[in-house]
């Protein structure tokens, strides 16, 4: 029934009630021998008390009827459902789904800028018979927004519809939303949405279901931590946040923990693991030091020593990681420093590896940080080579592919070993930010060439794979940062290391530098 027709019926009922009341008043006057000179017995109110009460009662009934008609409208102007409304009139079939379950609030109510997308997802997913009725009105997703969330149903089957303005709304289980809302747990109240971002349905249409029984990843966008996703290792597993890999050239650890000793080239990876301070110990125990030392026995990085030496015909002692000592040691109650040094026959250094773990101090560092680095001294490596006469004229410089393999190995070792200096089970600790790895290749700044110029990267690393440079200039170091999951696989680590070096080289004028070319083993001449 339309609005105009309802009001016409209400007015007609009022007229009929007035006429009937006056006829009854006339009848009562006649029965009591009371006459009235007024037409329709209008003076009856002044003549007979019983008739007066009757007219007043009828007027009250009339007012009640009008009130019922007016109050039968929803705040948005739509009529409440009746048995006839559900089968016809000006209501759509989708609206009848909500009316059938008679929810106290509408899908999307409270989120006017997103209400239409909430309603579309609600009906496309099956409406109230499937999702249940709204538990409450849509609420801001966090203290600072930017979107809204509304819950439907109860118990284990409760779901949430969430959305931001000008984006498709999404439907996901309520427990998955709670993982997003409490990610990081660094604020009170928690504002995980501001940290990790908002799930946005990629489908321009459809039922908007973002998480199904077999869904393993959910992309998030707009968070302070940068691009990321929720993921789980198996369909029955719990959800966790991890960053999507991305490259940046902002670094801060190029010279931190600079170890002493002579070297030609240093290749280091510094990692940062943002864990809540409540998950970290105040100092490093003896058991933790032993755990790190034992874990280093057979790692990718330990294998680097063997590969570099074997490729250059050098003999090495057994790989052994020992507590670093001396003025360049960084051991403390909050730090671990282990070293593996391979010496030349004259006692000088040929290869040296360092692994450092540092708990956050709350000032300079707020994350668990650590370093895995390799230092190479070509003179010592040459002296350790079999057939010293042949090695004396050979080019022992690392190729760019060698540097990439060292970077990838140091990165993987750091993410595996450094967490053991703080916790027993790193996989169970929730992140409080995106983990990162800084990758550096550096020529020793203290060394001079025969022409009295500082060593450049080209003096200590063969840069032929970059192609020809379009401008003059010597670089002493290359460095960049990659945000990535802690368990990023070795092939991906190699690709990101090559990508960072290629982009830096292009900025230096090596316009032909290409990531894929850097990953090809150079042909021996």
Protein backbone atom coordinates (compact mmCIF):
# COMPACT_ATOMS: atom_id res chain seq x y z
CA UNK A 1 0.00 0.00 0.00
CA UNK A 2 1.43 3.39 -0.99
CA UNK A 3 1.87 6.29 1.42
CA UNK A 4 -0.86 8.46 -0.22
CA UNK A 5 -3.38 5.61 -0.11
CA UNK A 6 -2.68 5.00 3.58
CA UNK A 7 -3.34 8.62 4.45
CA UNK A 8 -6.59 8.62 2.40
CA UNK A 9 -7.80 5.57 4.34
CA UNK A 10 -6.93 7.25 7.65
CA UNK A 11 -8.88 10.43 6.72
CA UNK A 12 -11.87 8.38 5.55
CA UNK A 13 -11.94 6.45 8.82
CA UNK A 14 -11.90 9.72 10.76
CA UNK A 15 -14.91 11.09 8.82
CA UNK A 16 -16.87 7.88 9.36
CA UNK A 17 -16.11 7.93 13.10
CA UNK A 18 -17.37 11.55 13.43
CA UNK A 19 -20.62 10.76 11.59
CA UNK A 20 -21.26 7.60 13.63
CA UNK A 21 -20.60 9.44 16.91
CA UNK A 22 -23.09 12.17 16.07
CA UNK A 23 -25.78 9.68 15.02
CA UNK A 24 -25.33 7.83 18.30
CA UNK A 25 -25.56 11.09 20.21
CA UNK A 26 -28.87 11.94 18.48
CA UNK A 27 -30.19 8.48 19.35
CA UNK A 28 -29.23 8.91 22.99
CA UNK A 29 -30.89 12.35 23.15
CA UNK A 30 -34.07 10.98 21.68
CA UNK A 31 -34.11 8.14 24.18
CA UNK A 32 -33.75 10.56 27.05
CA UNK A 33 -36.23 13.11 25.67
CA UNK A 34 -33.48 15.66 25.31
CA UNK A 35 -33.81 17.88 22.27
CA UNK A 36 -31.20 19.92 20.53
CA UNK A 37 -31.71 22.79 18.14
CA UNK A 38 -28.26 22.13 16.58
CA UNK A 39 -27.95 19.96 13.51
CA UNK A 40 -26.51 16.49 14.00
CA UNK A 41 -26.94 16.82 17.78
CA UNK A 42 -23.71 18.85 18.24
CA UNK A 43 -25.05 20.24 21.55
CA UNK A 44 -25.23 16.75 22.96
CA UNK A 45 -21.90 17.33 24.73
CA UNK A 46 -23.62 20.04 26.72
CA UNK A 47 -26.79 18.04 27.33
CA UNK A 48 -26.03 14.47 28.34
CA UNK A 49 -22.91 13.28 30.23
CA UNK A 50 -23.02 9.76 28.81
CA UNK A 51 -23.10 11.04 25.24
CA UNK A 52 -20.21 13.40 25.99
CA UNK A 53 -18.02 10.54 27.23
CA UNK A 54 -18.86 8.49 24.16
CA UNK A 55 -17.78 11.22 21.76
CA UNK A 56 -14.50 11.79 23.66
CA UNK A 57 -13.72 8.04 23.55
CA UNK A 58 -14.34 7.91 19.81
CA UNK A 59 -12.06 10.89 19.24
CA UNK A 60 -9.27 9.15 21.21
CA UNK A 61 -9.72 6.03 19.10
CA UNK A 62 -9.37 8.19 16.00
CA UNK A 63 -6.09 9.72 17.23
CA UNK A 64 -4.73 6.29 18.09
CA UNK A 65 -5.49 5.00 14.60
CA UNK A 66 -3.66 7.92 12.96
CA UNK A 67 -0.66 7.41 15.25
CA UNK A 68 -0.43 3.72 14.34
CA UNK A 69 -0.48 4.54 10.62
CA UNK A 70 2.28 7.13 10.95
CA UNK A 71 4.49 5.00 13.22
CA UNK A 72 4.34 2.09 10.79
CA UNK A 73 6.99 3.85 8.71
CA UNK A 74 10.74 3.04 9.04
CA UNK A 75 13.12 5.98 9.60
CA UNK A 76 14.31 5.63 5.99
CA UNK A 77 10.69 5.94 4.69
CA UNK A 78 10.04 2.25 3.94
CA UNK A 79 6.94 0.52 5.39
CA UNK A 80 7.13 -2.37 7.80
CA UNK A 81 6.33 -5.71 6.37
CA UNK A 82 2.86 -7.19 6.54
CA UNK A 83 1.47 -10.32 4.99
CA UNK A 84 0.26 -8.37 1.96
CA UNK A 85 3.42 -6.22 1.71
CA UNK A 86 5.64 -9.29 1.36
CA UNK A 87 3.84 -10.40 -1.75
CA UNK A 88 3.33 -7.12 -3.57
CA UNK A 89 3.29 -3.31 -3.37
CA UNK A 90 6.35 -1.15 -3.81
CA UNK A 91 8.82 -3.38 -1.81
CA UNK A 92 11.65 -5.15 -3.57
CA UNK A 93 12.34 -8.87 -3.12
CA UNK A 94 15.69 -8.12 -1.46
CA UNK A 95 14.08 -5.86 1.15
CA UNK A 96 11.66 -8.63 2.07
CA UNK A 97 14.60 -10.83 3.18
CA UNK A 98 15.40 -8.35 5.93
CA UNK A 99 11.73 -7.93 6.85
CA UNK A 100 11.17 -11.68 7.07
CA UNK A 101 13.63 -11.95 9.96
CA UNK A 102 12.47 -8.62 11.42
CA UNK A 103 15.93 -7.28 12.45
CA UNK A 104 16.01 -4.37 14.84
CA UNK A 105 18.64 -2.63 12.66
CA UNK A 106 19.30 -2.63 8.94
CA UNK A 107 22.40 -3.98 7.20
CA UNK A 108 24.76 -1.02 6.96
CA UNK A 109 22.78 1.14 9.40
CA UNK A 110 25.17 3.54 11.08
CA UNK A 111 27.53 3.61 8.09
CA UNK A 112 25.64 5.84 5.71
CA UNK A 113 28.60 6.23 3.33
CA UNK A 114 28.85 2.43 3.00
CA UNK A 115 25.25 1.36 3.60
CA UNK A 116 24.46 0.40 0.03
CA UNK A 117 27.54 -1.83 -0.31
CA UNK A 118 26.80 -3.49 3.05
CA UNK A 119 23.23 -4.15 1.94
CA UNK A 120 24.38 -5.58 -1.42
CA UNK A 121 26.76 -8.03 0.24
CA UNK A 122 24.15 -9.01 2.85
CA UNK A 123 21.53 -9.94 0.24
CA UNK A 124 24.00 -11.51 -2.19
CA UNK A 125 25.26 -13.84 0.54
CA UNK A 126 21.75 -15.09 1.32
CA UNK A 127 20.36 -12.48 3.70
CA UNK A 128 19.10 -13.18 7.20
CA UNK A 129 18.32 -16.91 6.64
CA UNK A 130 22.04 -17.53 5.95
CA UNK A 131 23.90 -14.84 7.89
CA UNK A 132 21.47 -14.08 10.70
CA UNK A 133 20.20 -10.66 11.70
CA UNK A 134 22.46 -7.70 12.48
CA UNK A 135 23.76 -7.83 16.06
CA UNK A 136 24.14 -4.06 16.15
CA UNK A 137 24.53 -1.06 13.93
CA UNK A 138 27.72 -0.65 11.91
CA UNK A 139 30.56 0.76 13.98
CA UNK A 140 33.84 2.50 13.02
CA UNK A 141 36.45 -0.18 12.35
CA UNK A 142 38.90 1.47 14.76
CA UNK A 143 39.37 4.59 16.87
CA UNK A 144 40.64 6.42 13.79
CA UNK A 145 38.55 4.65 11.15
CA UNK A 146 38.77 4.56 8.18
CA UNK A 147 35.96 2.09 7.51
CA UNK A 148 33.08 0.36 9.25
CA UNK A 149 32.24 -3.13 10.45
CA UNK A 150 28.92 -4.78 11.35
CA UNK A 151 28.37 -8.24 12.87
CA UNK A 152 25.63 -10.72 11.99
CA UNK A 153 24.46 -13.89 13.72
CA UNK A 154 25.75 -15.42 16.91
CA UNK A 155 28.20 -18.02 18.18
CA UNK A 156 30.79 -19.79 16.06
CA UNK A 157 28.97 -18.87 12.87
CA UNK A 158 29.06 -15.12 13.45
CA UNK A 159 30.24 -13.12 10.47
CA UNK A 160 31.25 -9.54 9.82
CA UNK A 161 30.66 -7.24 6.88
CA UNK A 162 33.29 -4.53 6.60
CA UNK A 163 33.97 -1.81 4.10
CA UNK A 164 35.42 1.61 3.40
CA UNK A 165 33.89 4.42 1.34
CA UNK A 166 34.07 3.98 -2.42
CA UNK A 167 35.21 0.35 -2.11
CA UNK A 168 33.43 -2.99 -2.27
CA UNK A 169 32.34 -4.30 1.12
CA UNK A 170 33.59 -7.72 2.23
CA UNK A 171 32.15 -10.63 4.19
CA UNK A 172 34.40 -12.66 6.48
CA UNK A 173 34.16 -14.70 9.70
CA UNK A 174 34.06 -12.62 12.87
CA UNK A 175 37.15 -14.36 14.29
CA UNK A 176 39.17 -13.33 11.23
CA UNK A 177 38.09 -9.74 11.76
CA UNK A 178 39.26 -9.94 15.38
CA UNK A 179 42.75 -10.91 14.17
CA UNK A 180 42.81 -7.72 12.09
CA UNK A 181 41.33 -5.51 14.80
CA UNK A 182 43.87 -6.57 17.43
CA UNK A 183 46.99 -6.92 15.24
CA UNK A 184 50.07 -5.53 16.94
CA UNK A 185 48.22 -4.87 20.20
CA UNK A 186 50.28 -1.69 20.72
CA UNK A 187 47.43 0.72 21.51
CA UNK A 188 44.63 0.88 24.04
CA UNK A 189 42.05 0.33 22.72
CA UNK A 190 43.70 -1.83 20.02
CA UNK A 191 43.68 -0.27 16.56
CA UNK A 192 44.89 -3.10 14.38
CA UNK A 193 43.08 -1.72 11.33
CA UNK A 194 45.25 1.41 11.39
CA UNK A 195 48.35 -0.81 11.60
CA UNK A 196 47.72 -3.61 9.10
CA UNK A 197 45.06 -2.09 6.87
CA UNK A 198 41.61 -3.03 5.69
CA UNK A 199 40.41 -6.10 3.79
CA UNK A 200 38.81 -5.02 0.54
CA UNK A 201 36.94 -7.43 -1.69
CA UNK A 202 38.54 -7.67 -5.13
CA UNK A 203 35.27 -8.64 -6.78
CA UNK A 204 33.36 -5.79 -8.42
CA UNK A 205 30.23 -7.92 -8.00
CA UNK A 206 29.21 -11.27 -6.56
CA UNK A 207 28.48 -12.33 -3.01
CA UNK A 208 31.41 -10.43 -1.48
CA UNK A 209 32.61 -13.48 0.47
CA UNK A 210 36.30 -12.80 1.12
CA UNK A 211 37.18 -15.76 3.33
CA UNK A 212 35.91 -19.24 2.56
CA UNK A 213 36.84 -22.64 3.99
CA UNK A 214 39.82 -22.99 1.61
CA UNK A 215 41.00 -19.37 1.61
CA UNK A 216 44.68 -19.13 2.62
CA UNK A 217 45.43 -15.44 2.08
CA UNK A 218 43.54 -12.17 2.48
CA UNK A 219 45.08 -9.00 1.05
CA UNK A 220 45.02 -5.86 3.18
CA UNK A 221 45.61 -2.26 2.17
CA UNK A 222 45.94 1.18 3.71
CA UNK A 223 47.76 0.19 6.92
CA UNK A 224 50.67 2.02 8.52
CA UNK A 225 52.76 -1.15 8.26
CA UNK A 226 52.51 -1.10 4.48
CA UNK A 227 51.08 -3.67 2.06
CA UNK A 228 50.41 -6.98 3.73
CA UNK A 229 48.05 -9.89 4.07
CA UNK A 230 46.52 -12.31 6.52
CA UNK A 231 47.61 -15.87 5.83
CA UNK A 232 47.43 -19.33 7.31
CA UNK A 233 49.55 -22.38 6.63
CA UNK A 234 46.57 -24.73 6.31
CA UNK A 235 42.78 -24.39 6.11
CA UNK A 236 42.34 -25.30 9.77
CA UNK A 237 45.22 -23.15 10.99
CA UNK A 238 45.22 -19.77 12.69
CA UNK A 239 45.54 -16.47 10.86
CA UNK A 240 48.61 -14.24 11.06
CA UNK A 241 49.73 -11.02 9.41
CA UNK A 242 52.76 -10.81 7.16
CA UNK A 243 54.10 -8.09 4.85
CA UNK A 244 54.14 -8.26 1.10
CA UNK A 245 57.77 -7.97 -0.09
CA UNK A 246 58.76 -4.47 -1.12
CA UNK A 247 62.02 -2.66 -1.80
CA UNK A 248 63.17 0.67 -0.38
CA UNK A 249 66.50 2.50 -0.40
CA UNK A 250 66.24 3.99 3.09
CA UNK A 251 68.85 2.32 5.33
CA UNK A 252 70.20 2.99 8.81
CA UNK A 253 72.52 0.09 9.69
CA UNK A 254 75.38 0.44 7.19
CA UNK A 255 78.05 0.96 9.89
CA UNK A 256 76.41 -0.43 13.02
CA UNK A 257 78.61 -3.01 14.81
CA UNK A 258 81.55 -2.30 12.51
CA UNK A 259 84.07 -5.01 13.37
CA UNK A 260 87.78 -4.28 13.29
CA UNK A 261 90.45 -5.93 11.19
CA UNK A 262 91.59 -5.54 7.61
CA UNK A 263 89.31 -6.53 4.75
CA UNK A 264 88.68 -5.69 1.11
CA UNK A 265 84.94 -6.24 0.86
CA UNK A 266 82.21 -6.61 3.46
CA UNK A 267 78.82 -8.12 2.68
CA UNK A 268 76.30 -7.81 5.49
CA UNK A 269 72.62 -8.29 6.16
CA UNK A 270 71.02 -6.54 9.13
CA UNK A 271 67.52 -7.69 10.07
CA UNK A 272 64.89 -6.06 12.25
CA UNK A 273 62.11 -8.10 13.85
CA UNK A 274 59.44 -5.91 15.53
CA UNK A 275 58.05 -7.96 18.37
CA UNK A 276 56.07 -6.55 21.33
CA UNK A 277 58.36 -5.67 24.23
CA UNK A 278 56.28 -7.96 26.43
CA UNK A 279 57.43 -10.95 24.36
CA UNK A 280 61.15 -10.20 24.78
CA UNK A 281 63.41 -10.91 27.78
CA UNK A 282 65.25 -8.14 29.59
CA UNK A 283 68.58 -9.91 29.03
CA UNK A 284 69.99 -12.85 27.12
CA UNK A 285 70.48 -16.05 29.10
CA UNK A 286 73.29 -18.57 28.71
CA UNK A 287 70.83 -21.04 27.20
CA UNK A 288 69.92 -18.55 24.49
CA UNK A 289 73.58 -18.01 23.62
CA UNK A 290 74.09 -21.74 23.27
CA UNK A 291 70.95 -22.05 21.12
CA UNK A 292 72.25 -19.44 18.67
CA UNK A 293 75.73 -20.97 18.57
CA UNK A 294 74.43 -24.47 17.93
CA UNK A 295 71.99 -23.28 15.25
CA UNK A 296 74.85 -21.75 13.26
CA UNK A 297 76.55 -25.11 12.73
CA UNK A 298 74.80 -26.01 9.47
CA UNK A 299 73.27 -22.94 7.93
CA UNK A 300 73.26 -21.41 4.47
CA UNK A 301 75.78 -18.84 5.61
CA UNK A 302 78.25 -21.43 6.90
CA UNK A 303 78.11 -23.06 3.48
CA UNK A 304 79.18 -19.75 1.93
CA UNK A 305 82.65 -20.14 3.44
CA UNK A 306 83.12 -23.50 1.78
CA UNK A 307 81.85 -22.30 -1.59
CA UNK A 308 83.98 -19.16 -1.75
CA UNK A 309 87.12 -21.00 -0.69
CA UNK A 310 86.56 -24.01 -2.96
CA UNK A 311 85.89 -21.82 -6.01
CA UNK A 312 89.27 -20.13 -5.44
CA UNK A 313 91.26 -23.22 -4.58
CA UNK A 314 91.77 -22.32 -0.92
CA UNK A 315 92.05 -24.67 2.04
CA UNK A 316 89.90 -23.84 5.06
CA UNK A 317 89.83 -25.10 8.60
CA UNK A 318 86.67 -26.67 10.01
CA UNK A 319 83.82 -24.20 10.39
CA UNK A 320 83.56 -23.22 14.04
CA UNK A 321 81.58 -20.38 15.57
CA UNK A 322 83.08 -18.98 18.76
CA UNK A 323 82.31 -16.10 21.11
CA UNK A 324 83.90 -12.96 19.69
CA UNK A 325 86.54 -11.33 21.90
CA UNK A 326 88.58 -8.16 21.77
CA UNK A 327 87.86 -4.49 21.36
CA UNK A 328 85.56 -5.19 18.42
CA UNK A 329 83.33 -7.60 20.38
CA UNK A 330 79.72 -6.62 21.04
CA UNK A 331 78.81 -9.20 23.66
CA UNK A 332 76.80 -7.87 26.61
CA UNK A 333 73.88 -8.78 28.83
CA UNK A 334 71.63 -7.78 25.92
CA UNK A 335 73.83 -8.87 23.04
CA UNK A 336 75.40 -11.95 21.42
CA UNK A 337 78.44 -11.81 19.14
CA UNK A 338 79.82 -14.96 17.51
CA UNK A 339 82.67 -15.12 15.00
CA UNK A 340 84.09 -17.65 12.56
CA UNK A 341 87.50 -16.66 11.13
CA UNK A 342 89.47 -18.48 8.47
CA UNK A 343 93.13 -17.52 8.46
CA UNK A 344 95.84 -17.58 5.83
CA UNK A 345 99.11 -19.50 6.41
CA UNK A 346 100.75 -16.31 7.66
CA UNK A 347 98.04 -15.89 10.30
CA UNK A 348 96.30 -13.06 8.53
CA UNK A 349 92.58 -13.11 7.81
CA UNK A 350 91.24 -14.69 4.64
CA UNK A 351 87.53 -14.91 5.45
CA UNK A 352 85.68 -13.81 8.56
CA UNK A 353 82.02 -14.16 9.51
CA UNK A 354 80.19 -12.38 12.30
CA UNK A 355 76.73 -12.99 13.77
CA UNK A 356 75.32 -10.42 16.19
CA UNK A 357 72.03 -10.43 18.14
CA UNK A 358 70.85 -7.33 20.01
CA UNK A 359 67.78 -6.93 22.20
CA UNK A 360 66.01 -3.57 21.85
CA UNK A 361 67.05 -0.86 24.27
CA UNK A 362 63.84 1.16 23.88
CA UNK A 363 65.74 4.20 22.59
CA UNK A 364 67.73 3.62 19.43
CA UNK A 365 66.12 0.27 18.77
CA UNK A 366 62.58 -0.85 19.47
CA UNK A 367 62.90 -4.14 17.56
CA UNK A 368 65.00 -7.24 17.95
CA UNK A 369 67.89 -6.63 15.55
CA UNK A 370 70.83 -8.65 14.36
CA UNK A 371 73.55 -8.84 11.77
CA UNK A 372 75.15 -11.58 9.68
CA UNK A 373 78.18 -10.42 7.71
CA UNK A 374 81.09 -11.75 5.69
CA UNK A 375 84.44 -9.99 5.32
CA UNK A 376 86.91 -11.01 2.62
CA UNK A 377 90.61 -10.21 2.44
CA UNK A 378 91.91 -11.22 -1.00
CA UNK A 379 95.57 -11.28 -0.03
CA UNK A 380 94.88 -13.82 2.71
CA UNK A 381 92.58 -15.82 0.43
CA UNK A 382 95.28 -15.90 -2.23
CA UNK A 383 97.84 -17.12 0.31
CA UNK A 384 95.51 -19.96 1.35
CA UNK A 385 94.98 -21.09 -2.24
CA UNK A 386 96.46 -24.33 -3.54
CA UNK A 387 99.06 -23.60 -6.19
CA UNK A 388 99.97 -20.15 -4.98
CA UNK A 389 101.78 -19.29 -8.22
CA UNK A 390 98.62 -19.75 -10.27
CA UNK A 391 96.47 -17.95 -7.70
CA UNK A 392 98.84 -15.02 -7.73
CA UNK A 393 97.71 -13.91 -11.17
CA UNK A 394 94.05 -14.95 -10.90
CA UNK A 395 91.21 -12.51 -10.39
CA UNK A 396 89.82 -13.54 -7.02
CA UNK A 397 87.21 -10.82 -6.85
CA UNK A 398 83.68 -11.88 -6.06
CA UNK A 399 81.29 -11.70 -8.98
CA UNK A 400 77.95 -9.97 -8.53
CA UNK A 401 76.33 -13.41 -8.47
CA UNK A 402 78.71 -14.39 -5.64
CA UNK A 403 77.63 -11.27 -3.74
CA UNK A 404 73.96 -12.13 -4.34
CA UNK A 405 74.47 -15.68 -3.04
CA UNK A 406 76.18 -14.34 0.09
CA UNK A 407 73.38 -11.82 0.66
CA UNK A 408 70.65 -14.44 0.20
CA UNK A 409 72.42 -16.87 2.55
CA UNK A 410 73.11 -14.26 5.23
CA UNK A 411 69.47 -13.08 5.03
CA UNK A 412 68.07 -16.57 5.51
CA UNK A 413 70.48 -17.38 8.33
CA UNK A 414 69.70 -14.13 10.13
CA UNK A 415 65.94 -14.71 10.07
CA UNK A 416 66.41 -18.27 11.29
CA UNK A 417 69.06 -17.81 14.00
CA UNK A 418 68.69 -14.31 15.44
CA UNK A 419 65.16 -14.87 16.87
CA UNK A 420 66.57 -17.76 18.93
CA UNK A 421 68.51 -15.23 20.96
CA UNK A 422 65.22 -13.93 22.35
CA UNK A 423 62.51 -16.62 22.26
CA UNK A 424 62.16 -20.40 22.06
CA UNK A 425 59.40 -20.55 19.43
CA UNK A 426 59.58 -17.56 17.06
CA UNK A 427 56.63 -18.81 14.99
CA UNK A 428 54.25 -18.22 17.90
CA UNK A 429 55.14 -14.56 18.51
CA UNK A 430 52.86 -12.04 16.81
CA UNK A 431 54.53 -9.20 14.95
CA UNK A 432 54.25 -5.57 16.04
CA UNK A 433 55.39 -4.26 12.66
CA UNK A 434 56.87 -5.42 9.35
CA UNK A 435 60.17 -7.34 9.58
CA UNK A 436 62.93 -6.18 7.25
CA UNK A 437 66.39 -7.01 5.97
CA UNK A 438 69.01 -4.42 5.03
CA UNK A 439 71.47 -5.67 2.43
CA UNK A 440 74.89 -4.00 2.10
CA UNK A 441 77.96 -4.54 -0.11
CA UNK A 442 80.87 -2.31 0.93
CA UNK A 443 84.48 -1.74 -0.06
CA UNK A 444 86.82 -1.07 2.84
CA UNK A 445 87.01 2.74 3.17
CA UNK A 446 90.45 2.64 4.82
CA UNK A 447 92.22 0.89 1.94
CA UNK A 448 93.89 2.79 -0.92
CA UNK A 449 94.70 1.63 -4.42
CA UNK A 450 98.13 1.99 -6.01
CA UNK A 451 96.97 5.37 -7.31
CA UNK A 452 96.15 6.44 -3.73
CA UNK A 453 92.40 6.42 -4.33
CA UNK A 454 90.01 4.69 -1.89
CA UNK A 455 88.87 1.23 -2.91
CA UNK A 456 85.71 1.26 -5.00
CA UNK A 457 83.16 -1.50 -5.43
CA UNK A 458 84.64 -2.32 -8.83
CA UNK A 459 88.02 -2.95 -7.16
CA UNK A 460 86.59 -5.62 -4.86
CA UNK A 461 83.58 -6.96 -6.82
CA UNK A 462 83.51 -7.73 -10.53
CA UNK A 463 80.73 -5.47 -11.88
CA UNK A 464 80.93 -6.69 -15.48
CA UNK A 465 77.41 -8.14 -15.28
CA UNK A 466 76.01 -4.60 -14.96
CA UNK A 467 77.11 -3.68 -18.47
CA UNK A 468 78.77 -0.43 -19.47
CA UNK A 469 78.30 2.69 -17.36
CA UNK A 470 77.16 5.87 -19.10
CA UNK A 471 78.99 8.17 -16.70
CA UNK A 472 82.14 8.30 -14.63
CA UNK A 473 82.15 7.88 -10.92
CA UNK A 474 83.22 5.36 -8.32
CA UNK A 475 80.93 3.85 -5.73
CA UNK A 476 82.18 2.44 -2.46
CA UNK A 477 79.02 0.75 -1.32
CA UNK A 478 75.53 -0.40 -2.22
CA UNK A 479 72.70 -0.73 0.26
CA UNK A 480 68.93 -1.16 0.34
CA UNK A 481 66.15 -2.55 2.52
CA UNK A 482 63.54 -5.23 1.79
CA UNK A 483 60.40 -5.67 3.90
CA UNK A 484 59.38 -9.30 3.65
CA UNK A 485 58.04 -12.25 5.67
CA UNK A 486 60.55 -13.81 8.05
CA UNK A 487 60.24 -17.17 6.28
CA UNK A 488 60.80 -15.82 2.76
CA UNK A 489 62.28 -18.60 0.63
CA UNK A 490 65.77 -18.56 -0.85
CA UNK A 491 64.70 -18.11 -4.52
CA UNK A 492 62.76 -14.99 -3.53
CA UNK A 493 65.68 -13.71 -1.45
CA UNK A 494 68.00 -14.07 -4.44
CA UNK A 495 65.57 -12.23 -6.70
CA UNK A 496 65.12 -9.32 -4.28
CA UNK A 497 68.89 -9.02 -3.75
CA UNK A 498 69.41 -8.93 -7.51
CA UNK A 499 66.55 -6.47 -7.96
CA UNK A 500 68.01 -4.07 -5.39
CA UNK A 501 71.49 -4.17 -6.94
CA UNK A 502 70.08 -3.72 -10.47
CA UNK A 503 68.00 -0.68 -9.49
CA UNK A 504 70.93 0.93 -7.68
CA UNK A 505 73.18 0.30 -10.69
CA UNK A 506 70.67 1.91 -13.03
CA UNK A 507 70.66 5.01 -10.83
CA UNK A 508 74.48 5.07 -11.11
CA UNK A 509 74.32 5.07 -14.91
CA UNK A 510 74.44 1.34 -15.68
CA UNK A 511 71.28 1.62 -17.73
CA UNK A 512 71.57 -1.95 -19.05
CA UNK A 513 71.58 -3.49 -15.56
CA UNK A 514 68.95 -6.21 -15.32
CA UNK A 515 67.94 -8.43 -12.44
CA UNK A 516 67.74 -11.62 -14.48
CA UNK A 517 71.21 -11.07 -15.99
CA UNK A 518 72.69 -10.73 -12.52
CA UNK A 519 71.36 -14.17 -11.60
CA UNK A 520 73.22 -15.90 -14.46
CA UNK A 521 76.57 -17.50 -13.63
CA UNK A 522 79.30 -15.76 -15.69
CA UNK A 523 81.08 -17.95 -18.20
CA UNK A 524 84.66 -18.78 -17.26
CA UNK A 525 87.24 -17.31 -19.65
